[in-house]
PDB file of N, CA and C in Angstrom:
ATOM      1  N   ALA A   1     168.356 -29.957 124.509  1.00  0.00           N
ATOM      2  CA  ALA A   1     169.218 -31.112 125.041  1.00  0.00           C
ATOM      3  C   ALA A   1     169.209 -31.654 126.859  1.00  0.00           C
ATOM      4  N   GLY A   2     169.499 -32.569 127.622  1.00  0.00           N
ATOM      5  CA  GLY A   2     169.240 -32.758 128.993  1.00  0.00           C
ATOM      6  C   GLY A   2     170.147 -32.192 129.622  1.00  0.00           C
ATOM      7  N   GLY A   3     170.553 -32.662 131.282  1.00  0.00           N
ATOM      8  CA  GLY A   3     171.663 -32.075 132.826  1.00  0.00           C
ATOM      9  C   GLY A   3     171.851 -32.639 131.562  1.00  0.00           C
ATOM     10  N   GLY A   4     173.568 -32.229 133.324  1.00  0.00           N
ATOM     11  CA  GLY A   4     174.725 -32.388 132.998  1.00  0.00           C
ATOM     12  C   GLY A   4     174.962 -33.583 134.167  1.00  0.00           C
ATOM     13  N   ASP A   5     176.119 -33.748 134.136  1.00  0.00           N
ATOM     14  CA  ASP A   5     176.591 -35.145 135.364  1.00  0.00           C
ATOM     15  C   ASP A   5     178.582 -34.840 135.247  1.00  0.00           C
ATOM     16  N   VAL A   6     178.697 -36.118 135.929  1.00  0.00           N
ATOM     17  CA  VAL A   6     180.112 -36.048 135.335  1.00  0.00           C
ATOM     18  C   VAL A   6     180.551 -37.075 134.738  1.00  0.00           C
ATOM     19  N   SER A   7     181.835 -37.191 134.173  1.00  0.00           N
ATOM     20  CA  SER A   7     181.475 -38.196 133.258  1.00  0.00           C
ATOM     21  C   SER A   7     182.601 -39.400 133.755  1.00  0.00           C
ATOM     22  N   ALA A   8     181.606 -40.314 132.572  1.00  0.00           N
ATOM     23  CA  ALA A   8     181.764 -41.425 133.734  1.00  0.00           C
ATOM     24  C   ALA A   8     183.032 -43.099 132.845  1.00  0.00           C
ATOM     25  N   THR A   9     184.220 -42.149 133.396  1.00  0.00           N
ATOM     26  CA  THR A   9     185.688 -42.942 132.413  1.00  0.00           C
ATOM     27  C   THR A   9     185.475 -43.873 133.439  1.00  0.00           C
ATOM     28  N   ASN A  10     186.469 -44.343 132.968  1.00  0.00           N
ATOM     29  CA  ASN A  10     187.536 -45.845 133.924  1.00  0.00           C
ATOM     30  C   ASN A  10     187.822 -45.020 135.169  1.00  0.00           C
ATOM     31  N   LYS A  11     187.484 -43.977 135.555  1.00  0.00           N
ATOM     32  CA  LYS A  11     188.378 -43.301 136.582  1.00  0.00           C
ATOM     33  C   LYS A  11     187.881 -43.223 138.107  1.00  0.00           C
ATOM     34  N   THR A  12     189.140 -43.635 139.298  1.00  0.00           N
ATOM     35  CA  THR A  12     187.955 -43.388 139.746  1.00  0.00           C
ATOM     36  C   THR A  12     187.033 -42.385 140.743  1.00  0.00           C
ATOM     37  N   CYS A  13     187.608 -41.322 140.471  1.00  0.00           N
ATOM     38  CA  CYS A  13     186.782 -40.018 140.282  1.00  0.00           C
ATOM     39  C   CYS A  13     187.133 -39.659 139.139  1.00  0.00           C
ATOM     40  N   PRO A  14     186.012 -39.927 138.438  1.00  0.00           N
ATOM     41  CA  PRO A  14     185.319 -38.436 137.648  1.00  0.00           C
ATOM     42  C   PRO A  14     185.584 -36.889 137.347  1.00  0.00           C
ATOM     43  N   ASP A  15     185.524 -36.508 137.103  1.00  0.00           N
ATOM     44  CA  ASP A  15     185.836 -34.855 137.193  1.00  0.00           C
ATOM     45  C   ASP A  15     185.240 -33.752 136.059  1.00  0.00           C
ATOM     46  N   ASP A  16     185.005 -34.527 134.887  1.00  0.00           N
ATOM     47  CA  ASP A  16     184.371 -33.737 133.934  1.00  0.00           C
ATOM     48  C   ASP A  16     183.184 -33.443 133.724  1.00  0.00           C
ATOM     49  N   VAL A  17     182.214 -32.476 133.724  1.00  0.00           N
ATOM     50  CA  VAL A  17     180.891 -32.324 133.807  1.00  0.00           C
ATOM     51  C   VAL A  17     180.766 -32.117 131.873  1.00  0.00           C
ATOM     52  N   ILE A  18     180.082 -32.938 131.473  1.00  0.00           N
ATOM     53  CA  ILE A  18     179.406 -33.360 131.097  1.00  0.00           C
ATOM     54  C   ILE A  18     177.800 -32.698 131.315  1.00  0.00           C
ATOM     55  N   GLN A  19     177.664 -32.976 129.069  1.00  0.00           N
ATOM     56  CA  GLN A  19     175.342 -32.149 129.740  1.00  0.00           C
ATOM     57  C   GLN A  19     174.983 -33.573 128.450  1.00  0.00           C
ATOM     58  N   TYR A  20     174.199 -34.629 129.383  1.00  0.00           N
ATOM     59  CA  TYR A  20     173.095 -35.134 128.091  1.00  0.00           C
ATOM     60  C   TYR A  20     172.482 -35.519 127.179  1.00  0.00           C
ATOM     61  N   SER A  21     172.937 -35.907 126.065  1.00  0.00           N
ATOM     62  CA  SER A  21     172.013 -35.669 125.085  1.00  0.00           C
ATOM     63  C   SER A  21     170.806 -35.512 124.596  1.00  0.00           C
ATOM     64  N   LEU A  22     170.473 -36.524 126.181  1.00  0.00           N
ATOM     65  CA  LEU A  22     169.169 -36.918 125.706  1.00  0.00           C
ATOM     66  C   LEU A  22     167.633 -36.439 126.485  1.00  0.00           C
ATOM     67  N   ASP A  23     166.919 -35.495 126.472  1.00  0.00           N
ATOM     68  CA  ASP A  23     166.408 -34.929 127.135  1.00  0.00           C
ATOM     69  C   ASP A  23     166.091 -35.382 128.433  1.00  0.00           C
ATOM     70  N   LEU A  24     165.708 -36.862 128.445  1.00  0.00           N
ATOM     71  CA  LEU A  24     164.299 -37.924 129.693  1.00  0.00           C
ATOM     72  C   LEU A  24     166.247 -38.142 130.314  1.00  0.00           C
ATOM     73  N   LEU A  25     167.399 -37.728 129.865  1.00  0.00           N
ATOM     74  CA  LEU A  25     167.927 -37.946 130.869  1.00  0.00           C
ATOM     75  C   LEU A  25     168.541 -36.227 131.857  1.00  0.00           C
ATOM     76  N   GLN A  26     167.921 -36.446 133.370  1.00  0.00           N
ATOM     77  CA  GLN A  26     167.866 -34.707 134.438  1.00  0.00           C
ATOM     78  C   GLN A  26     169.400 -34.796 135.119  1.00  0.00           C
ATOM     79  N   GLY A  27     170.260 -35.700 135.282  1.00  0.00           N
ATOM     80  CA  GLY A  27     171.443 -34.979 135.452  1.00  0.00           C
ATOM     81  C   GLY A  27     171.227 -34.852 136.720  1.00  0.00           C
ATOM     82  N   LEU A  28     172.221 -34.688 136.953  1.00  0.00           N
ATOM     83  CA  LEU A  28     172.524 -33.483 139.063  1.00  0.00           C
ATOM     84  C   LEU A  28     172.284 -32.221 138.060  1.00  0.00           C
ATOM     85  N   PRO A  29     171.078 -31.757 140.176  1.00  0.00           N
ATOM     86  CA  PRO A  29     171.816 -30.858 140.560  1.00  0.00           C
ATOM     87  C   PRO A  29     171.844 -29.727 140.821  1.00  0.00           C
ATOM     88  N   VAL A  30     172.109 -28.350 140.293  1.00  0.00           N
ATOM     89  CA  VAL A  30     173.757 -27.955 140.423  1.00  0.00           C
ATOM     90  C   VAL A  30     172.755 -26.509 141.329  1.00  0.00           C
ATOM     91  N   THR A  31     173.921 -26.351 142.029  1.00  0.00           N
ATOM     92  CA  THR A  31     173.892 -24.817 142.703  1.00  0.00           C
ATOM     93  C   THR A  31     174.348 -24.174 142.697  1.00  0.00           C
ATOM     94  N   PHE A  32     173.821 -22.118 142.232  1.00  0.00           N
ATOM     95  CA  PHE A  32     174.613 -21.342 141.954  1.00  0.00           C
ATOM     96  C   PHE A  32     174.657 -20.242 142.999  1.00  0.00           C
ATOM     97  N   SER A  33     176.696 -19.820 143.348  1.00  0.00           N
ATOM     98  CA  SER A  33     176.996 -19.348 144.595  1.00  0.00           C
ATOM     99  C   SER A  33     177.608 -17.940 144.515  1.00  0.00           C
ATOM    100  N   PRO A  34     176.334 -16.418 144.466  1.00  0.00           N
ATOM    101  CA  PRO A  34     177.314 -15.017 144.312  1.00  0.00           C
ATOM    102  C   PRO A  34     178.632 -15.901 144.546  1.00  0.00           C
ATOM    103  N   ALA A  35     179.369 -14.301 144.005  1.00  0.00           N
ATOM    104  CA  ALA A  35     180.644 -14.211 144.783  1.00  0.00           C
ATOM    105  C   ALA A  35     180.856 -13.346 145.887  1.00  0.00           C
ATOM    106  N   SER A  36     179.248 -12.040 145.600  1.00  0.00           N
ATOM    107  CA  SER A  36     179.542 -12.139 147.520  1.00  0.00           C
ATOM    108  C   SER A  36     178.406 -12.217 148.552  1.00  0.00           C
ATOM    109  N   SER A  37     179.188 -12.952 149.073  1.00  0.00           N
ATOM    110  CA  SER A  37     178.202 -14.094 149.858  1.00  0.00           C
ATOM    111  C   SER A  37     177.086 -13.067 150.560  1.00  0.00           C
ATOM    112  N   GLU A  38     177.047 -11.610 150.469  1.00  0.00           N
ATOM    113  CA  GLU A  38     176.536 -10.802 149.925  1.00  0.00           C
ATOM    114  C   GLU A  38     174.942 -10.892 150.541  1.00  0.00           C
ATOM    115  N   ASP A  39     174.836 -11.440 148.153  1.00  0.00           N
ATOM    116  CA  ASP A  39     173.347 -11.091 147.190  1.00  0.00           C
ATOM    117  C   ASP A  39     172.963 -12.830 148.012  1.00  0.00           C
ATOM    118  N   ASP A  40     171.846 -12.495 147.633  1.00  0.00           N
ATOM    119  CA  ASP A  40     170.965 -13.682 147.930  1.00  0.00           C
ATOM    120  C   ASP A  40     170.576 -14.146 146.084  1.00  0.00           C
ATOM    121  N   VAL A  41     170.339 -12.964 145.822  1.00  0.00           N
ATOM    122  CA  VAL A  41     169.609 -13.065 143.978  1.00  0.00           C
ATOM    123  C   VAL A  41     171.055 -13.193 142.663  1.00  0.00           C
ATOM    124  N   ILE A  42     171.261 -14.023 141.796  1.00  0.00           N
ATOM    125  CA  ILE A  42     171.982 -13.920 141.261  1.00  0.00           C
ATOM    126  C   ILE A  42     170.981 -13.199 139.724  1.00  0.00           C
ATOM    127  N   ARG A  43     172.655 -12.095 139.845  1.00  0.00           N
ATOM    128  CA  ARG A  43     171.977 -10.994 138.877  1.00  0.00           C
ATOM    129  C   ARG A  43     172.806 -12.117 137.169  1.00  0.00           C
ATOM    130  N   VAL A  44     172.372 -11.125 136.096  1.00  0.00           N
ATOM    131  CA  VAL A  44     172.869 -10.886 135.058  1.00  0.00           C
ATOM    132  C   VAL A  44     174.558 -10.569 134.868  1.00  0.00           C
ATOM    133  N   SER A  45     175.075 -11.114 134.381  1.00  0.00           N
ATOM    134  CA  SER A  45     177.004 -10.549 133.805  1.00  0.00           C
ATOM    135  C   SER A  45     177.773 -10.483 135.380  1.00  0.00           C
ATOM    136  N   THR A  46     177.370 -11.235 136.797  1.00  0.00           N
ATOM    137  CA  THR A  46     178.001 -11.473 138.037  1.00  0.00           C
ATOM    138  C   THR A  46     178.132 -12.474 137.928  1.00  0.00           C
ATOM    139  N   ASP A  47     179.512 -12.326 138.348  1.00  0.00           N
ATOM    140  CA  ASP A  47     180.726 -13.656 138.751  1.00  0.00           C
ATOM    141  C   ASP A  47     179.657 -14.641 139.670  1.00  0.00           C
ATOM    142  N   LEU A  48     179.613 -15.963 139.354  1.00  0.00           N
ATOM    143  CA  LEU A  48     179.152 -16.712 140.501  1.00  0.00           C
ATOM    144  C   LEU A  48     179.806 -18.551 140.110  1.00  0.00           C
ATOM    145  N   ASN A  49     179.808 -18.985 141.656  1.00  0.00           N
ATOM    146  CA  ASN A  49     179.977 -20.352 141.707  1.00  0.00           C
ATOM    147  C   ASN A  49     179.359 -21.280 140.401  1.00  0.00           C
ATOM    148  N   ILE A  50     179.266 -22.545 140.491  1.00  0.00           N
ATOM    149  CA  ILE A  50     178.515 -23.187 139.814  1.00  0.00           C
ATOM    150  C   ILE A  50     178.905 -24.771 140.594  1.00  0.00           C
ATOM    151  N   LYS A  51     177.972 -25.195 141.304  1.00  0.00           N
ATOM    152  CA  LYS A  51     178.720 -26.472 141.777  1.00  0.00           C
ATOM    153  C   LYS A  51     177.662 -27.749 142.046  1.00  0.00           C
ATOM    154  N   PHE A  52     177.573 -29.287 141.575  1.00  0.00           N
ATOM    155  CA  PHE A  52     176.818 -30.287 142.252  1.00  0.00           C
ATOM    156  C   PHE A  52     176.577 -30.206 143.170  1.00  0.00           C
ATOM    157  N   SER A  53     174.975 -30.247 143.342  1.00  0.00           N
ATOM    158  CA  SER A  53     174.462 -29.927 144.579  1.00  0.00           C
ATOM    159  C   SER A  53     174.435 -31.181 145.451  1.00  0.00           C
ATOM    160  N   ILE A  54     174.500 -32.116 144.758  1.00  0.00           N
ATOM    161  CA  ILE A  54     174.752 -33.932 145.461  1.00  0.00           C
ATOM    162  C   ILE A  54     175.962 -34.279 145.455  1.00  0.00           C
ATOM    163  N   LYS A  55     177.351 -34.181 146.385  1.00  0.00           N
ATOM    164  CA  LYS A  55     178.082 -35.117 146.410  1.00  0.00           C
ATOM    165  C   LYS A  55     178.083 -36.764 145.942  1.00  0.00           C
ATOM    166  N   LYS A  56     178.997 -37.032 145.200  1.00  0.00           N
ATOM    167  CA  LYS A  56     179.553 -38.076 144.605  1.00  0.00           C
ATOM    168  C   LYS A  56     180.577 -38.979 145.209  1.00  0.00           C
ATOM    169  N   ALA A  57     181.238 -40.046 145.560  1.00  0.00           N
ATOM    170  CA  ALA A  57     181.016 -41.294 146.741  1.00  0.00           C
ATOM    171  C   ALA A  57     183.005 -40.673 146.768  1.00  0.00           C
ATOM    172  N   CYS A  58     183.210 -39.721 145.754  1.00  0.00           N
ATOM    173  CA  CYS A  58     184.665 -39.684 145.686  1.00  0.00           C
ATOM    174  C   CYS A  58     184.849 -37.588 146.485  1.00  0.00           C
ATOM    175  N   ASP A  59     186.251 -38.372 147.503  1.00  0.00           N
ATOM    176  CA  ASP A  59     185.979 -36.182 147.980  1.00  0.00           C
ATOM    177  C   ASP A  59     186.804 -35.039 147.668  1.00  0.00           C
ATOM    178  N   ARG A  60     186.163 -34.906 145.799  1.00  0.00           N
ATOM    179  CA  ARG A  60     187.080 -34.047 145.365  1.00  0.00           C
ATOM    180  C   ARG A  60     185.764 -32.297 144.682  1.00  0.00           C
ATOM    181  N   SER A  61     186.368 -31.522 145.389  1.00  0.00           N
ATOM    182  CA  SER A  61     185.279 -30.340 145.132  1.00  0.00           C
ATOM    183  C   SER A  61     184.230 -30.954 143.972  1.00  0.00           C
ATOM    184  N   SER A  62     182.458 -30.292 144.299  1.00  0.00           N
ATOM    185  CA  SER A  62     182.128 -31.010 143.337  1.00  0.00           C
ATOM    186  C   SER A  62     182.311 -29.698 142.642  1.00  0.00           C
ATOM    187  N   VAL A  63     183.151 -27.387 142.801  1.00  0.00           N
ATOM    188  CA  VAL A  63     182.493 -27.222 141.940  1.00  0.00           C
ATOM    189  C   VAL A  63     183.014 -26.749 141.001  1.00  0.00           C
ATOM    190  N   TRP A  64     182.563 -26.714 140.301  1.00  0.00           N
ATOM    191  CA  TRP A  64     182.757 -26.119 138.313  1.00  0.00           C
ATOM    192  C   TRP A  64     184.252 -25.479 138.601  1.00  0.00           C
ATOM    193  N   LYS A  65     185.212 -25.684 137.611  1.00  0.00           N
ATOM    194  CA  LYS A  65     186.971 -25.338 137.070  1.00  0.00           C
ATOM    195  C   LYS A  65     186.355 -24.868 135.524  1.00  0.00           C
ATOM    196  N   ILE A  66     186.892 -23.777 134.936  1.00  0.00           N
ATOM    197  CA  ILE A  66     187.866 -23.867 133.334  1.00  0.00           C
ATOM    198  C   ILE A  66     189.529 -24.904 133.931  1.00  0.00           C
ATOM    199  N   GLN A  67     189.319 -25.325 132.710  1.00  0.00           N
ATOM    200  CA  GLN A  67     190.698 -26.288 132.766  1.00  0.00           C
ATOM    201  C   GLN A  67     191.352 -26.306 131.390  1.00  0.00           C
ATOM    202  N   LYS A  68     192.366 -26.411 130.958  1.00  0.00           N
ATOM    203  CA  LYS A  68     193.275 -26.599 129.985  1.00  0.00           C
ATOM    204  C   LYS A  68     192.947 -28.635 129.753  1.00  0.00           C
ATOM    205  N   SER A  69     192.733 -28.429 128.453  1.00  0.00           N
ATOM    206  CA  SER A  69     192.484 -29.687 127.846  1.00  0.00           C
ATOM    207  C   SER A  69     193.343 -30.190 127.457  1.00  0.00           C
ATOM    208  N   SER A  70     194.178 -31.999 127.676  1.00  0.00           N
ATOM    209  CA  SER A  70     195.032 -32.929 127.333  1.00  0.00           C
ATOM    210  C   SER A  70     194.739 -33.304 126.507  1.00  0.00           C
ATOM    211  N   ASN A  71     193.553 -32.726 125.784  1.00  0.00           N
ATOM    212  CA  ASN A  71     193.165 -33.046 124.202  1.00  0.00           C
ATOM    213  C   ASN A  71     193.504 -32.631 123.482  1.00  0.00           C
ATOM    214  N   SER A  72     193.979 -32.480 122.131  1.00  0.00           N
ATOM    215  CA  SER A  72     194.743 -31.904 120.824  1.00  0.00           C
ATOM    216  C   SER A  72     193.329 -31.193 120.210  1.00  0.00           C
ATOM    217  N   GLU A  73     192.406 -31.482 120.405  1.00  0.00           N
ATOM    218  CA  GLU A  73     190.644 -31.877 119.599  1.00  0.00           C
ATOM    219  C   GLU A  73     189.626 -30.171 120.170  1.00  0.00           C
ATOM    220  N   VAL A  74     190.256 -30.488 121.809  1.00  0.00           N
ATOM    221  CA  VAL A  74     189.183 -30.231 122.347  1.00  0.00           C
ATOM    222  C   VAL A  74     191.040 -28.308 123.640  1.00  0.00           C
ATOM    223  N   GLN A  75     190.522 -27.725 123.002  1.00  0.00           N
ATOM    224  CA  GLN A  75     190.497 -26.919 123.875  1.00  0.00           C
ATOM    225  C   GLN A  75     191.071 -27.060 126.314  1.00  0.00           C
ATOM    226  N   TRP A  76     189.397 -26.680 125.816  1.00  0.00           N
ATOM    227  CA  TRP A  76     189.201 -26.116 127.876  1.00  0.00           C
ATOM    228  C   TRP A  76     188.090 -26.730 127.634  1.00  0.00           C
ATOM    229  N   LEU A  77     188.138 -27.320 129.017  1.00  0.00           N
ATOM    230  CA  LEU A  77     186.875 -28.009 129.879  1.00  0.00           C
ATOM    231  C   LEU A  77     186.456 -27.983 130.627  1.00  0.00           C
ATOM    232  N   VAL A  78     184.791 -28.016 130.610  1.00  0.00           N
ATOM    233  CA  VAL A  78     184.565 -27.350 132.538  1.00  0.00           C
ATOM    234  C   VAL A  78     184.894 -29.156 133.301  1.00  0.00           C
ATOM    235  N   THR A  79     185.835 -28.980 134.143  1.00  0.00           N
ATOM    236  CA  THR A  79     185.426 -29.235 135.744  1.00  0.00           C
ATOM    237  C   THR A  79     185.067 -29.762 136.586  1.00  0.00           C
ATOM    238  N   THR A  80     185.322 -30.982 137.140  1.00  0.00           N
ATOM    239  CA  THR A  80     185.036 -30.377 139.016  1.00  0.00           C
ATOM    240  C   THR A  80     186.490 -30.196 139.485  1.00  0.00           C
ATOM    241  N   GLY A  81     186.543 -29.740 140.716  1.00  0.00           N
ATOM    242  CA  GLY A  81     187.395 -29.302 141.920  1.00  0.00           C
ATOM    243  C   GLY A  81     187.520 -27.929 142.403  1.00  0.00           C
ATOM    244  N   GLY A  82     186.016 -26.925 141.353  1.00  0.00           N
ATOM    245  CA  GLY A  82     187.224 -25.841 141.953  1.00  0.00           C
ATOM    246  C   GLY A  82     187.160 -25.431 143.329  1.00  0.00           C
ATOM    247  N   GLU A  83     187.380 -23.871 143.555  1.00  0.00           N
ATOM    248  CA  GLU A  83     187.261 -23.403 145.019  1.00  0.00           C
ATOM    249  C   GLU A  83     186.147 -22.640 144.829  1.00  0.00           C
ATOM    250  N   GLU A  84     185.607 -22.786 146.046  1.00  0.00           N
ATOM    251  CA  GLU A  84     184.088 -22.317 145.931  1.00  0.00           C
ATOM    252  C   GLU A  84     184.908 -20.926 147.158  1.00  0.00           C
ATOM    253  N   GLY A  85     184.017 -19.812 146.172  1.00  0.00           N
ATOM    254  CA  GLY A  85     183.735 -17.944 146.942  1.00  0.00           C
ATOM    255  C   GLY A  85     185.460 -17.828 146.514  1.00  0.00           C
ATOM    256  N   ASN A  86     185.656 -16.970 148.051  1.00  0.00           N
ATOM    257  CA  ASN A  86     187.350 -16.408 147.710  1.00  0.00           C
ATOM    258  C   ASN A  86     187.597 -15.722 146.089  1.00  0.00           C
ATOM    259  N   PRO A  87     187.128 -14.882 145.374  1.00  0.00           N
ATOM    260  CA  PRO A  87     187.232 -14.473 144.400  1.00  0.00           C
ATOM    261  C   PRO A  87     188.998 -13.768 144.451  1.00  0.00           C
ATOM    262  N   GLY A  88     189.398 -14.424 143.146  1.00  0.00           N
ATOM    263  CA  GLY A  88     191.234 -13.593 143.379  1.00  0.00           C
ATOM    264  C   GLY A  88     192.271 -13.874 142.259  1.00  0.00           C
ATOM    265  N   CYS A  89     193.226 -13.823 141.565  1.00  0.00           N
ATOM    266  CA  CYS A  89     193.716 -14.091 140.314  1.00  0.00           C
ATOM    267  C   CYS A  89     194.044 -14.963 140.712  1.00  0.00           C
ATOM    268  N   ASP A  90     193.648 -16.270 142.149  1.00  0.00           N
ATOM    269  CA  ASP A  90     194.018 -17.705 142.024  1.00  0.00           C
ATOM    270  C   ASP A  90     193.309 -18.891 141.548  1.00  0.00           C
ATOM    271  N   THR A  91     191.861 -18.559 141.529  1.00  0.00           N
ATOM    272  CA  THR A  91     190.497 -18.616 141.541  1.00  0.00           C
ATOM    273  C   THR A  91     190.458 -18.529 140.432  1.00  0.00           C
ATOM    274  N   PHE A  92     190.102 -17.742 139.231  1.00  0.00           N
ATOM    275  CA  PHE A  92     189.170 -17.066 138.274  1.00  0.00           C
ATOM    276  C   PHE A  92     188.480 -18.133 137.589  1.00  0.00           C
ATOM    277  N   THR A  93     189.259 -19.434 137.542  1.00  0.00           N
ATOM    278  CA  THR A  93     188.513 -20.121 136.573  1.00  0.00           C
ATOM    279  C   THR A  93     187.373 -21.183 137.493  1.00  0.00           C
ATOM    280  N   ASN A  94     187.344 -20.793 138.331  1.00  0.00           N
ATOM    281  CA  ASN A  94     185.930 -20.309 139.844  1.00  0.00           C
ATOM    282  C   ASN A  94     185.130 -19.949 138.566  1.00  0.00           C
ATOM    283  N   TRP A  95     184.746 -18.546 138.455  1.00  0.00           N
ATOM    284  CA  TRP A  95     183.903 -18.070 138.078  1.00  0.00           C
ATOM    285  C   TRP A  95     183.320 -18.219 136.419  1.00  0.00           C
ATOM    286  N   PHE A  96     182.143 -18.227 136.896  1.00  0.00           N
ATOM    287  CA  PHE A  96     180.889 -17.760 135.188  1.00  0.00           C
ATOM    288  C   PHE A  96     179.985 -16.841 135.965  1.00  0.00           C
ATOM    289  N   LYS A  97     179.852 -17.101 134.591  1.00  0.00           N
ATOM    290  CA  LYS A  97     178.329 -15.937 134.149  1.00  0.00           C
ATOM    291  C   LYS A  97     177.476 -16.597 133.618  1.00  0.00           C
ATOM    292  N   ILE A  98     176.555 -15.777 133.979  1.00  0.00           N
ATOM    293  CA  ILE A  98     175.090 -16.147 132.586  1.00  0.00           C
ATOM    294  C   ILE A  98     175.152 -14.678 131.817  1.00  0.00           C
ATOM    295  N   GLU A  99     174.862 -14.820 130.828  1.00  0.00           N
ATOM    296  CA  GLU A  99     175.065 -13.592 129.841  1.00  0.00           C
ATOM    297  C   GLU A  99     173.362 -13.624 128.800  1.00  0.00           C
TER     298      GLU A  99
END
């Protein structure tokens, strides 16, 4: 599979994270940030933020988050607009792990 990007919809600011099905489409680079700003290594099974390294024209945050879908066929989506850092109950949808 190819790289990731935000969906190209009719929205002014697309926000759903997608993965291209073709290997030739490399997508956008991402940055992984550990929950603790003291860590400089990403370890397996630790909380981390993921964000696109290149900002698009929109002012929206490029940090990934999980969001409930309005589509009945899909329960959850990965979107942008998350908050970087600040671990806690209010930001749990912004955290991912590499397993």
